[in-house]
Amino acid sequence: QVQLTESGGGLVQPGGSLRLSCAASQTIFSAYVLGWYRQAPGKQRELVATVAVGGNTNYADSVKGRFTISRDNAKNTMYLQMNSLKPEETAVYYCQARRAWVTYWGQGTQVTVSS
């Protein structure tokens, strides 16, 4: 069983930055599509960004130009650099690794954007 562990969440002021990390317990990243999702209270989980095996990235329109997803296959780690954060982006952020019919999720890390 693969475990994904997020870190880097916390409290940040509006306009601030955070960098989230997602580490895998096994060497899987090189063959998996990786993604970040978030779920705000009372809302459905939504896609934030994905990075394909070849490195192509995809972002939700709401975060384009502010967030950057990246992967380091050698370290089995994925990152999400978040800049210019907004209060409405307060949510639990989850990482996902997906390949064919297999999907793994992390336990989530809380990001709170508040003054």
PDB file of N, CA and C in Angstrom:
ATOM      1  N   GLN A   1       0.833  -1.181   0.000  1.00  0.00           N
ATOM      2  CA  GLN A   1       0.000   0.000   0.000  1.00  0.00           C
ATOM      3  C   GLN A   1       0.880   1.248   0.000  1.00  0.00           C
ATOM      4  N   VAL A   2       0.597   2.134  -0.916  1.00  0.00           N
ATOM      5  CA  VAL A   2       1.358   3.375  -1.004  1.00  0.00           C
ATOM      6  C   VAL A   2       0.728   4.416  -0.099  1.00  0.00           C
ATOM      7  N   GLN A   3       1.555   5.116   0.620  1.00  0.00           N
ATOM      8  CA  GLN A   3       1.082   6.224   1.459  1.00  0.00           C
ATOM      9  C   GLN A   3       1.610   7.534   0.921  1.00  0.00           C
ATOM     10  N   LEU A   4       0.724   8.514   0.868  1.00  0.00           N
ATOM     11  CA  LEU A   4       1.087   9.867   0.481  1.00  0.00           C
ATOM     12  C   LEU A   4       0.936  10.759   1.703  1.00  0.00           C
ATOM     13  N   THR A   5       1.931  11.575   1.944  1.00  0.00           N
ATOM     14  CA  THR A   5       1.924  12.434   3.128  1.00  0.00           C
ATOM     15  C   THR A   5       2.154  13.877   2.716  1.00  0.00           C
ATOM     16  N   GLU A   6       1.144  14.722   2.975  1.00  0.00           N
ATOM     17  CA  GLU A   6       1.266  16.147   2.692  1.00  0.00           C
ATOM     18  C   GLU A   6       1.879  16.876   3.886  1.00  0.00           C
ATOM     19  N   SER A   7       2.516  17.980   3.592  1.00  0.00           N
ATOM     20  CA  SER A   7       3.040  18.862   4.633  1.00  0.00           C
ATOM     21  C   SER A   7       3.122  20.275   4.060  1.00  0.00           C
ATOM     22  N   GLY A   8       3.319  21.233   4.969  1.00  0.00           N
ATOM     23  CA  GLY A   8       3.504  22.609   4.535  1.00  0.00           C
ATOM     24  C   GLY A   8       2.302  23.509   4.703  1.00  0.00           C
ATOM     25  N   GLY A   9       1.174  22.944   5.133  1.00  0.00           N
ATOM     26  CA  GLY A   9       0.006  23.788   5.359  1.00  0.00           C
ATOM     27  C   GLY A   9       0.177  24.658   6.596  1.00  0.00           C
ATOM     28  N   GLY A  10      -0.778  25.565   6.780  1.00  0.00           N
ATOM     29  CA  GLY A  10      -0.722  26.435   7.945  1.00  0.00           C
ATOM     30  C   GLY A  10      -1.559  27.672   7.740  1.00  0.00           C
ATOM     31  N   LEU A  11      -1.305  28.637   8.589  1.00  0.00           N
ATOM     32  CA  LEU A  11      -2.025  29.910   8.557  1.00  0.00           C
ATOM     33  C   LEU A  11      -1.175  30.949   7.821  1.00  0.00           C
ATOM     34  N   VAL A  12      -1.788  31.624   6.872  1.00  0.00           N
ATOM     35  CA  VAL A  12      -1.078  32.644   6.110  1.00  0.00           C
ATOM     36  C   VAL A  12      -2.017  33.821   5.875  1.00  0.00           C
ATOM     37  N   GLN A  13      -1.471  35.001   5.812  1.00  0.00           N
ATOM     38  CA  GLN A  13      -2.279  36.186   5.569  1.00  0.00           C
ATOM     39  C   GLN A  13      -2.652  36.288   4.090  1.00  0.00           C
ATOM     40  N   PRO A  14      -3.746  36.950   3.799  1.00  0.00           N
ATOM     41  CA  PRO A  14      -4.098  37.172   2.382  1.00  0.00           C
ATOM     42  C   PRO A  14      -2.942  37.824   1.633  1.00  0.00           C
ATOM     43  N   GLY A  15      -2.687  37.311   0.431  1.00  0.00           N
ATOM     44  CA  GLY A  15      -1.567  37.793  -0.351  1.00  0.00           C
ATOM     45  C   GLY A  15      -0.267  37.061  -0.086  1.00  0.00           C
ATOM     46  N   GLY A  16      -0.270  36.210   0.911  1.00  0.00           N
ATOM     47  CA  GLY A  16       0.936  35.490   1.282  1.00  0.00           C
ATOM     48  C   GLY A  16       1.157  34.233   0.448  1.00  0.00           C
ATOM     49  N   SER A  17       2.206  33.496   0.805  1.00  0.00           N
ATOM     50  CA  SER A  17       2.598  32.306   0.052  1.00  0.00           C
ATOM     51  C   SER A  17       2.797  31.116   0.979  1.00  0.00           C
ATOM     52  N   LEU A  18       2.574  29.952   0.420  1.00  0.00           N
ATOM     53  CA  LEU A  18       2.869  28.689   1.085  1.00  0.00           C
ATOM     54  C   LEU A  18       3.371  27.697   0.044  1.00  0.00           C
ATOM     55  N   ARG A  19       4.169  26.769   0.503  1.00  0.00           N
ATOM     56  CA  ARG A  19       4.621  25.689  -0.367  1.00  0.00           C
ATOM     57  C   ARG A  19       4.233  24.365   0.269  1.00  0.00           C
ATOM     58  N   LEU A  20       3.387  23.632  -0.416  1.00  0.00           N
ATOM     59  CA  LEU A  20       2.975  22.316   0.050  1.00  0.00           C
ATOM     60  C   LEU A  20       3.860  21.244  -0.562  1.00  0.00           C
ATOM     61  N   SER A  21       4.078  20.188   0.195  1.00  0.00           N
ATOM     62  CA  SER A  21       4.835  19.040  -0.287  1.00  0.00           C
ATOM     63  C   SER A  21       3.997  17.781  -0.113  1.00  0.00           C
ATOM     64  N   CYS A  22       4.248  16.818  -0.985  1.00  0.00           N
ATOM     65  CA  CYS A  22       3.580  15.520  -0.899  1.00  0.00           C
ATOM     66  C   CYS A  22       4.635  14.454  -1.152  1.00  0.00           C
ATOM     67  N   ALA A  23       4.878  13.632  -0.152  1.00  0.00           N
ATOM     68  CA  ALA A  23       5.893  12.593  -0.261  1.00  0.00           C
ATOM     69  C   ALA A  23       5.242  11.221  -0.313  1.00  0.00           C
ATOM     70  N   ALA A  24       5.777  10.356  -1.162  1.00  0.00           N
ATOM     71  CA  ALA A  24       5.254   8.997  -1.295  1.00  0.00           C
ATOM     72  C   ALA A  24       6.136   8.021  -0.540  1.00  0.00           C
ATOM     73  N   SER A  25       5.512   6.960  -0.043  1.00  0.00           N
ATOM     74  CA  SER A  25       6.246   5.975   0.750  1.00  0.00           C
ATOM     75  C   SER A  25       7.024   5.007  -0.126  1.00  0.00           C
ATOM     76  N   GLN A  26       6.691   4.976  -1.407  1.00  0.00           N
ATOM     77  CA  GLN A  26       7.372   4.082  -2.327  1.00  0.00           C
ATOM     78  C   GLN A  26       7.727   4.827  -3.597  1.00  0.00           C
ATOM     79  N   THR A  27       8.554   4.232  -4.377  1.00  0.00           N
ATOM     80  CA  THR A  27       8.949   4.830  -5.644  1.00  0.00           C
ATOM     81  C   THR A  27       7.838   4.615  -6.662  1.00  0.00           C
ATOM     82  N   ILE A  28       6.928   5.587  -6.736  1.00  0.00           N
ATOM     83  CA  ILE A  28       5.815   5.470  -7.664  1.00  0.00           C
ATOM     84  C   ILE A  28       5.656   6.688  -8.548  1.00  0.00           C
ATOM     85  N   PHE A  29       6.230   7.778  -8.119  1.00  0.00           N
ATOM     86  CA  PHE A  29       5.894   9.041  -8.760  1.00  0.00           C
ATOM     87  C   PHE A  29       6.207   9.051 -10.245  1.00  0.00           C
ATOM     88  N   SER A  30       7.272   8.395 -10.643  1.00  0.00           N
ATOM     89  CA  SER A  30       7.694   8.509 -12.032  1.00  0.00           C
ATOM     90  C   SER A  30       6.651   7.958 -13.005  1.00  0.00           C
ATOM     91  N   ALA A  31       5.771   7.072 -12.557  1.00  0.00           N
ATOM     92  CA  ALA A  31       4.806   6.423 -13.445  1.00  0.00           C
ATOM     93  C   ALA A  31       3.380   6.904 -13.227  1.00  0.00           C
ATOM     94  N   TYR A  32       3.181   7.885 -12.358  1.00  0.00           N
ATOM     95  CA  TYR A  32       1.844   8.311 -11.980  1.00  0.00           C
ATOM     96  C   TYR A  32       1.589   9.760 -12.362  1.00  0.00           C
ATOM     97  N   VAL A  33       0.352  10.031 -12.721  1.00  0.00           N
ATOM     98  CA  VAL A  33      -0.110  11.407 -12.836  1.00  0.00           C
ATOM     99  C   VAL A  33      -0.349  11.913 -11.419  1.00  0.00           C
ATOM    100  N   LEU A  34       0.164  13.073 -11.122  1.00  0.00           N
ATOM    101  CA  LEU A  34       0.068  13.626  -9.773  1.00  0.00           C
ATOM    102  C   LEU A  34      -0.811  14.866  -9.772  1.00  0.00           C
ATOM    103  N   GLY A  35      -1.504  15.051  -8.672  1.00  0.00           N
ATOM    104  CA  GLY A  35      -2.382  16.216  -8.616  1.00  0.00           C
ATOM    105  C   GLY A  35      -2.594  16.731  -7.217  1.00  0.00           C
ATOM    106  N   TRP A  36      -3.011  17.977  -7.140  1.00  0.00           N
ATOM    107  CA  TRP A  36      -3.430  18.609  -5.885  1.00  0.00           C
ATOM    108  C   TRP A  36      -4.914  18.959  -6.009  1.00  0.00           C
ATOM    109  N   TYR A  37      -5.646  18.654  -4.967  1.00  0.00           N
ATOM    110  CA  TYR A  37      -7.059  18.984  -4.862  1.00  0.00           C
ATOM    111  C   TYR A  37      -7.286  19.709  -3.550  1.00  0.00           C
ATOM    112  N   ARG A  38      -8.411  20.374  -3.435  1.00  0.00           N
ATOM    113  CA  ARG A  38      -8.742  21.034  -2.175  1.00  0.00           C
ATOM    114  C   ARG A  38     -10.233  20.932  -1.909  1.00  0.00           C
ATOM    115  N   GLN A  39     -10.555  20.973  -0.633  1.00  0.00           N
ATOM    116  CA  GLN A  39     -11.956  20.901  -0.218  1.00  0.00           C
ATOM    117  C   GLN A  39     -12.198  21.895   0.897  1.00  0.00           C
ATOM    118  N   ALA A  40     -13.021  22.875   0.599  1.00  0.00           N
ATOM    119  CA  ALA A  40     -13.404  23.869   1.590  1.00  0.00           C
ATOM    120  C   ALA A  40     -14.611  23.358   2.366  1.00  0.00           C
ATOM    121  N   PRO A  41     -14.836  23.876   3.559  1.00  0.00           N
ATOM    122  CA  PRO A  41     -15.988  23.433   4.356  1.00  0.00           C
ATOM    123  C   PRO A  41     -17.302  23.600   3.608  1.00  0.00           C
ATOM    124  N   GLY A  42     -18.071  22.532   3.562  1.00  0.00           N
ATOM    125  CA  GLY A  42     -19.365  22.577   2.905  1.00  0.00           C
ATOM    126  C   GLY A  42     -19.336  22.532   1.398  1.00  0.00           C
ATOM    127  N   LYS A  43     -18.156  22.327   0.837  1.00  0.00           N
ATOM    128  CA  LYS A  43     -18.036  22.291  -0.620  1.00  0.00           C
ATOM    129  C   LYS A  43     -17.442  20.967  -1.082  1.00  0.00           C
ATOM    130  N   GLN A  44     -17.601  20.704  -2.363  1.00  0.00           N
ATOM    131  CA  GLN A  44     -17.021  19.500  -2.930  1.00  0.00           C
ATOM    132  C   GLN A  44     -15.526  19.677  -3.154  1.00  0.00           C
ATOM    133  N   ARG A  45     -14.849  18.550  -3.171  1.00  0.00           N
ATOM    134  CA  ARG A  45     -13.417  18.572  -3.470  1.00  0.00           C
ATOM    135  C   ARG A  45     -13.238  19.008  -4.924  1.00  0.00           C
ATOM    136  N   GLU A  46     -12.255  19.877  -5.143  1.00  0.00           N
ATOM    137  CA  GLU A  46     -12.031  20.378  -6.495  1.00  0.00           C
ATOM    138  C   GLU A  46     -10.570  20.258  -6.886  1.00  0.00           C
ATOM    139  N   LEU A  47     -10.381  20.147  -8.193  1.00  0.00           N
ATOM    140  CA  LEU A  47      -9.038  20.054  -8.729  1.00  0.00           C
ATOM    141  C   LEU A  47      -8.336  21.400  -8.644  1.00  0.00           C
ATOM    142  N   VAL A  48      -7.085  21.367  -8.224  1.00  0.00           N
ATOM    143  CA  VAL A  48      -6.267  22.583  -8.213  1.00  0.00           C
ATOM    144  C   VAL A  48      -5.273  22.551  -9.364  1.00  0.00           C
ATOM    145  N   ALA A  49      -4.522  21.456  -9.447  1.00  0.00           N
ATOM    146  CA  ALA A  49      -3.507  21.351 -10.487  1.00  0.00           C
ATOM    147  C   ALA A  49      -3.082  19.903 -10.637  1.00  0.00           C
ATOM    148  N   THR A  50      -2.609  19.572 -11.839  1.00  0.00           N
ATOM    149  CA  THR A  50      -2.051  18.252 -12.087  1.00  0.00           C
ATOM    150  C   THR A  50      -0.744  18.378 -12.860  1.00  0.00           C
ATOM    151  N   VAL A  51       0.088  17.360 -12.715  1.00  0.00           N
ATOM    152  CA  VAL A  51       1.325  17.283 -13.498  1.00  0.00           C
ATOM    153  C   VAL A  51       1.444  15.858 -14.025  1.00  0.00           C
ATOM    154  N   ALA A  52       1.574  15.749 -15.331  1.00  0.00           N
ATOM    155  CA  ALA A  52       1.623  14.452 -15.977  1.00  0.00           C
ATOM    156  C   ALA A  52       3.007  13.812 -15.827  1.00  0.00           C
ATOM    157  N   VAL A  53       3.081  12.548 -16.238  1.00  0.00           N
ATOM    158  CA  VAL A  53       4.336  11.822 -16.158  1.00  0.00           C
ATOM    159  C   VAL A  53       5.435  12.554 -16.918  1.00  0.00           C
ATOM    160  N   GLY A  54       5.083  13.115 -18.057  1.00  0.00           N
ATOM    161  CA  GLY A  54       6.068  13.827 -18.869  1.00  0.00           C
ATOM    162  C   GLY A  54       6.336  15.240 -18.435  1.00  0.00           C
ATOM    163  N   GLY A  55       5.583  15.711 -17.423  1.00  0.00           N
ATOM    164  CA  GLY A  55       5.829  17.040 -16.894  1.00  0.00           C
ATOM    165  C   GLY A  55       4.825  18.097 -17.307  1.00  0.00           C
ATOM    166  N   ASN A  56       3.914  17.754 -18.206  1.00  0.00           N
ATOM    167  CA  ASN A  56       2.894  18.738 -18.594  1.00  0.00           C
ATOM    168  C   ASN A  56       2.001  19.054 -17.401  1.00  0.00           C
ATOM    169  N   THR A  57       1.670  20.316 -17.262  1.00  0.00           N
ATOM    170  CA  THR A  57       0.862  20.760 -16.124  1.00  0.00           C
ATOM    171  C   THR A  57      -0.496  21.288 -16.563  1.00  0.00           C
ATOM    172  N   ASN A  58      -1.431  21.220 -15.613  1.00  0.00           N
ATOM    173  CA  ASN A  58      -2.770  21.720 -15.857  1.00  0.00           C
ATOM    174  C   ASN A  58      -3.249  22.376 -14.572  1.00  0.00           C
ATOM    175  N   TYR A  59      -3.911  23.530 -14.710  1.00  0.00           N
ATOM    176  CA  TYR A  59      -4.345  24.275 -13.529  1.00  0.00           C
ATOM    177  C   TYR A  59      -5.815  24.666 -13.630  1.00  0.00           C
ATOM    178  N   ALA A  60      -6.443  24.738 -12.481  1.00  0.00           N
ATOM    179  CA  ALA A  60      -7.767  25.341 -12.423  1.00  0.00           C
ATOM    180  C   ALA A  60      -7.634  26.814 -12.803  1.00  0.00           C
ATOM    181  N   ASP A  61      -8.625  27.333 -13.476  1.00  0.00           N
ATOM    182  CA  ASP A  61      -8.562  28.732 -13.921  1.00  0.00           C
ATOM    183  C   ASP A  61      -8.331  29.684 -12.755  1.00  0.00           C
ATOM    184  N   SER A  62      -8.882  29.359 -11.619  1.00  0.00           N
ATOM    185  CA  SER A  62      -8.806  30.264 -10.475  1.00  0.00           C
ATOM    186  C   SER A  62      -7.399  30.407  -9.898  1.00  0.00           C
ATOM    187  N   VAL A  63      -6.494  29.478 -10.226  1.00  0.00           N
ATOM    188  CA  VAL A  63      -5.154  29.538  -9.649  1.00  0.00           C
ATOM    189  C   VAL A  63      -4.061  29.797 -10.682  1.00  0.00           C
ATOM    190  N   LYS A  64      -4.441  29.860 -11.941  1.00  0.00           N
ATOM    191  CA  LYS A  64      -3.446  30.080 -12.996  1.00  0.00           C
ATOM    192  C   LYS A  64      -2.684  31.378 -12.757  1.00  0.00           C
ATOM    193  N   GLY A  65      -1.380  31.293 -12.893  1.00  0.00           N
ATOM    194  CA  GLY A  65      -0.540  32.459 -12.701  1.00  0.00           C
ATOM    195  C   GLY A  65      -0.109  32.687 -11.268  1.00  0.00           C
ATOM    196  N   ARG A  66      -0.714  31.968 -10.335  1.00  0.00           N
ATOM    197  CA  ARG A  66      -0.376  32.136  -8.924  1.00  0.00           C
ATOM    198  C   ARG A  66       0.186  30.861  -8.295  1.00  0.00           C
ATOM    199  N   PHE A  67      -0.276  29.714  -8.746  1.00  0.00           N
ATOM    200  CA  PHE A  67       0.171  28.437  -8.203  1.00  0.00           C
ATOM    201  C   PHE A  67       1.069  27.734  -9.211  1.00  0.00           C
ATOM    202  N   THR A  68       2.027  26.976  -8.689  1.00  0.00           N
ATOM    203  CA  THR A  68       2.902  26.185  -9.543  1.00  0.00           C
ATOM    204  C   THR A  68       3.042  24.787  -8.969  1.00  0.00           C
ATOM    205  N   ILE A  69       2.713  23.799  -9.785  1.00  0.00           N
ATOM    206  CA  ILE A  69       2.872  22.402  -9.376  1.00  0.00           C
ATOM    207  C   ILE A  69       4.160  21.874  -9.987  1.00  0.00           C
ATOM    208  N   SER A  70       4.869  21.041  -9.230  1.00  0.00           N
ATOM    209  CA  SER A  70       6.104  20.456  -9.740  1.00  0.00           C
ATOM    210  C   SER A  70       6.302  19.094  -9.102  1.00  0.00           C
ATOM    211  N   ARG A  71       7.179  18.308  -9.712  1.00  0.00           N
ATOM    212  CA  ARG A  71       7.444  16.976  -9.199  1.00  0.00           C
ATOM    213  C   ARG A  71       8.942  16.709  -9.242  1.00  0.00           C
ATOM    214  N   ASP A  72       9.404  15.966  -8.248  1.00  0.00           N
ATOM    215  CA  ASP A  72      10.790  15.507  -8.201  1.00  0.00           C
ATOM    216  C   ASP A  72      10.736  13.995  -8.065  1.00  0.00           C
ATOM    217  N   ASN A  73      10.805  13.309  -9.176  1.00  0.00           N
ATOM    218  CA  ASN A  73      10.658  11.861  -9.156  1.00  0.00           C
ATOM    219  C   ASN A  73      11.761  11.179  -8.358  1.00  0.00           C
ATOM    220  N   ALA A  74      12.938  11.743  -8.371  1.00  0.00           N
ATOM    221  CA  ALA A  74      14.060  11.136  -7.645  1.00  0.00           C
ATOM    222  C   ALA A  74      13.818  11.147  -6.139  1.00  0.00           C
ATOM    223  N   LYS A  75      13.066  12.132  -5.672  1.00  0.00           N
ATOM    224  CA  LYS A  75      12.767  12.263  -4.241  1.00  0.00           C
ATOM    225  C   LYS A  75      11.373  11.752  -3.901  1.00  0.00           C
ATOM    226  N   ASN A  76      10.652  11.248  -4.907  1.00  0.00           N
ATOM    227  CA  ASN A  76       9.261  10.804  -4.683  1.00  0.00           C
ATOM    228  C   ASN A  76       8.431  11.899  -4.020  1.00  0.00           C
ATOM    229  N   THR A  77       8.601  13.104  -4.475  1.00  0.00           N
ATOM    230  CA  THR A  77       7.951  14.247  -3.842  1.00  0.00           C
ATOM    231  C   THR A  77       7.350  15.167  -4.900  1.00  0.00           C
ATOM    232  N   MET A  78       6.190  15.697  -4.557  1.00  0.00           N
ATOM    233  CA  MET A  78       5.510  16.671  -5.397  1.00  0.00           C
ATOM    234  C   MET A  78       5.309  17.939  -4.586  1.00  0.00           C
ATOM    235  N   TYR A  79       5.244  19.066  -5.266  1.00  0.00           N
ATOM    236  CA  TYR A  79       5.125  20.340  -4.581  1.00  0.00           C
ATOM    237  C   TYR A  79       3.999  21.181  -5.190  1.00  0.00           C
ATOM    238  N   LEU A  80       3.499  22.083  -4.369  1.00  0.00           N
ATOM    239  CA  LEU A  80       2.569  23.094  -4.863  1.00  0.00           C
ATOM    240  C   LEU A  80       2.973  24.423  -4.241  1.00  0.00           C
ATOM    241  N   GLN A  81       3.523  25.294  -5.068  1.00  0.00           N
ATOM    242  CA  GLN A  81       3.865  26.638  -4.623  1.00  0.00           C
ATOM    243  C   GLN A  81       2.651  27.520  -4.832  1.00  0.00           C
ATOM    244  N   MET A  82       2.180  28.120  -3.751  1.00  0.00           N
ATOM    245  CA  MET A  82       0.975  28.937  -3.804  1.00  0.00           C
ATOM    246  C   MET A  82       1.318  30.367  -3.430  1.00  0.00           C
ATOM    247  N   ASN A  83       1.092  31.285  -4.333  1.00  0.00           N
ATOM    248  CA  ASN A  83       1.361  32.704  -4.115  1.00  0.00           C
ATOM    249  C   ASN A  83       0.066  33.508  -4.178  1.00  0.00           C
ATOM    250  N   SER A  84       0.100  34.674  -3.616  1.00  0.00           N
ATOM    251  CA  SER A  84      -1.058  35.585  -3.637  1.00  0.00           C
ATOM    252  C   SER A  84      -2.326  34.882  -3.168  1.00  0.00           C
ATOM    253  N   LEU A  85      -2.231  34.223  -2.044  1.00  0.00           N
ATOM    254  CA  LEU A  85      -3.356  33.449  -1.541  1.00  0.00           C
ATOM    255  C   LEU A  85      -4.519  34.339  -1.130  1.00  0.00           C
ATOM    256  N   LYS A  86      -5.719  33.788  -1.304  1.00  0.00           N
ATOM    257  CA  LYS A  86      -6.952  34.518  -1.012  1.00  0.00           C
ATOM    258  C   LYS A  86      -7.712  33.816   0.120  1.00  0.00           C
ATOM    259  N   PRO A  87      -8.486  34.542   0.889  1.00  0.00           N
ATOM    260  CA  PRO A  87      -9.244  33.911   1.988  1.00  0.00           C
ATOM    261  C   PRO A  87     -10.143  32.770   1.518  1.00  0.00           C
ATOM    262  N   GLU A  88     -10.716  32.904   0.331  1.00  0.00           N
ATOM    263  CA  GLU A  88     -11.609  31.864  -0.178  1.00  0.00           C
ATOM    264  C   GLU A  88     -10.877  30.580  -0.559  1.00  0.00           C
ATOM    265  N   GLU A  89      -9.553  30.612  -0.483  1.00  0.00           N
ATOM    266  CA  GLU A  89      -8.776  29.410  -0.763  1.00  0.00           C
ATOM    267  C   GLU A  89      -8.458  28.622   0.510  1.00  0.00           C
ATOM    268  N   THR A  90      -9.045  29.031   1.594  1.00  0.00           N
ATOM    269  CA  THR A  90      -8.961  28.251   2.824  1.00  0.00           C
ATOM    270  C   THR A  90      -9.633  26.906   2.598  1.00  0.00           C
ATOM    271  N   ALA A  91      -8.880  25.835   2.838  1.00  0.00           N
ATOM    272  CA  ALA A  91      -9.383  24.496   2.550  1.00  0.00           C
ATOM    273  C   ALA A  91      -8.380  23.466   3.045  1.00  0.00           C
ATOM    274  N   VAL A  92      -8.810  22.214   3.015  1.00  0.00           N
ATOM    275  CA  VAL A  92      -7.875  21.111   3.188  1.00  0.00           C
ATOM    276  C   VAL A  92      -7.361  20.748   1.802  1.00  0.00           C
ATOM    277  N   TYR A  93      -6.055  20.705   1.673  1.00  0.00           N
ATOM    278  CA  TYR A  93      -5.430  20.398   0.394  1.00  0.00           C
ATOM    279  C   TYR A  93      -4.946  18.945   0.414  1.00  0.00           C
ATOM    280  N   TYR A  94      -5.304  18.214  -0.650  1.00  0.00           N
ATOM    281  CA  TYR A  94      -4.966  16.810  -0.756  1.00  0.00           C
ATOM    282  C   TYR A  94      -4.093  16.558  -1.983  1.00  0.00           C
ATOM    283  N   CYS A  95      -3.156  15.647  -1.839  1.00  0.00           N
ATOM    284  CA  CYS A  95      -2.416  15.219  -3.019  1.00  0.00           C
ATOM    285  C   CYS A  95      -2.959  13.876  -3.495  1.00  0.00           C
ATOM    286  N   GLN A  96      -2.802  13.651  -4.786  1.00  0.00           N
ATOM    287  CA  GLN A  96      -3.309  12.439  -5.408  1.00  0.00           C
ATOM    288  C   GLN A  96      -2.269  11.905  -6.392  1.00  0.00           C
ATOM    289  N   ALA A  97      -2.156  10.576  -6.420  1.00  0.00           N
ATOM    290  CA  ALA A  97      -1.323   9.905  -7.427  1.00  0.00           C
ATOM    291  C   ALA A  97      -2.224   8.921  -8.158  1.00  0.00           C
ATOM    292  N   ARG A  98      -2.204   8.968  -9.483  1.00  0.00           N
ATOM    293  CA  ARG A  98      -3.167   8.178 -10.245  1.00  0.00           C
ATOM    294  C   ARG A  98      -2.494   7.519 -11.440  1.00  0.00           C
ATOM    295  N   ARG A  99      -2.835   6.234 -11.641  1.00  0.00           N
ATOM    296  CA  ARG A  99      -2.340   5.517 -12.805  1.00  0.00           C
ATOM    297  C   ARG A  99      -3.378   4.470 -13.174  1.00  0.00           C
ATOM    298  N   ALA A 100      -3.949   4.606 -14.353  1.00  0.00           N
ATOM    299  CA  ALA A 100      -5.012   3.693 -14.813  1.00  0.00           C
ATOM    300  C   ALA A 100      -6.131   3.691 -13.772  1.00  0.00           C
ATOM    301  N   TRP A 101      -6.462   2.507 -13.220  1.00  0.00           N
ATOM    302  CA  TRP A 101      -7.569   2.411 -12.277  1.00  0.00           C
ATOM    303  C   TRP A 101      -7.134   2.552 -10.828  1.00  0.00           C
ATOM    304  N   VAL A 102      -5.863   2.838 -10.601  1.00  0.00           N
ATOM    305  CA  VAL A 102      -5.327   2.940  -9.246  1.00  0.00           C
ATOM    306  C   VAL A 102      -5.174   4.412  -8.853  1.00  0.00           C
ATOM    307  N   THR A 103      -5.736   4.752  -7.703  1.00  0.00           N
ATOM    308  CA  THR A 103      -5.643   6.118  -7.207  1.00  0.00           C
ATOM    309  C   THR A 103      -5.275   6.098  -5.738  1.00  0.00           C
ATOM    310  N   TYR A 104      -4.314   6.930  -5.378  1.00  0.00           N
ATOM    311  CA  TYR A 104      -3.925   7.096  -3.977  1.00  0.00           C
ATOM    312  C   TYR A 104      -4.158   8.537  -3.568  1.00  0.00           C
ATOM    313  N   TRP A 105      -4.583   8.698  -2.305  1.00  0.00           N
ATOM    314  CA  TRP A 105      -4.807  10.033  -1.739  1.00  0.00           C
ATOM    315  C   TRP A 105      -3.998  10.200  -0.469  1.00  0.00           C
ATOM    316  N   GLY A 106      -3.575  11.407  -0.222  1.00  0.00           N
ATOM    317  CA  GLY A 106      -2.991  11.743   1.055  1.00  0.00           C
ATOM    318  C   GLY A 106      -4.079  12.069   2.054  1.00  0.00           C
ATOM    319  N   GLN A 107      -3.680  12.343   3.285  1.00  0.00           N
ATOM    320  CA  GLN A 107      -4.648  12.604   4.352  1.00  0.00           C
ATOM    321  C   GLN A 107      -5.079  14.059   4.402  1.00  0.00           C
ATOM    322  N   GLY A 108      -4.373  14.901   3.688  1.00  0.00           N
ATOM    323  CA  GLY A 108      -4.721  16.318   3.605  1.00  0.00           C
ATOM    324  C   GLY A 108      -3.940  17.183   4.568  1.00  0.00           C
ATOM    325  N   THR A 109      -3.779  18.430   4.176  1.00  0.00           N
ATOM    326  CA  THR A 109      -3.138  19.421   5.033  1.00  0.00           C
ATOM    327  C   THR A 109      -3.964  20.699   4.981  1.00  0.00           C
ATOM    328  N   GLN A 110      -4.189  21.293   6.144  1.00  0.00           N
ATOM    329  CA  GLN A 110      -5.050  22.466   6.237  1.00  0.00           C
ATOM    330  C   GLN A 110      -4.297  23.720   5.826  1.00  0.00           C
ATOM    331  N   VAL A 111      -4.910  24.488   4.970  1.00  0.00           N
ATOM    332  CA  VAL A 111      -4.418  25.814   4.599  1.00  0.00           C
ATOM    333  C   VAL A 111      -5.484  26.822   4.993  1.00  0.00           C
ATOM    334  N   THR A 112      -5.104  27.772   5.814  1.00  0.00           N
ATOM    335  CA  THR A 112      -6.026  28.810   6.257  1.00  0.00           C
ATOM    336  C   THR A 112      -5.467  30.166   5.857  1.00  0.00           C
ATOM    337  N   VAL A 113      -6.244  30.902   5.088  1.00  0.00           N
ATOM    338  CA  VAL A 113      -5.834  32.225   4.626  1.00  0.00           C
ATOM    339  C   VAL A 113      -6.694  33.255   5.353  1.00  0.00           C
ATOM    340  N   SER A 114      -6.076  33.944   6.285  1.00  0.00           N
ATOM    341  CA  SER A 114      -6.841  34.863   7.126  1.00  0.00           C
ATOM    342  C   SER A 114      -5.918  35.908   7.730  1.00  0.00           C
ATOM    343  N   SER A 115      -6.467  37.093   7.935  1.00  0.00           N
ATOM    344  CA  SER A 115      -5.701  38.133   8.602  1.00  0.00           C
ATOM    345  C   SER A 115      -5.994  38.143  10.089  1.00  0.00           C
TER     346      SER A 115
END
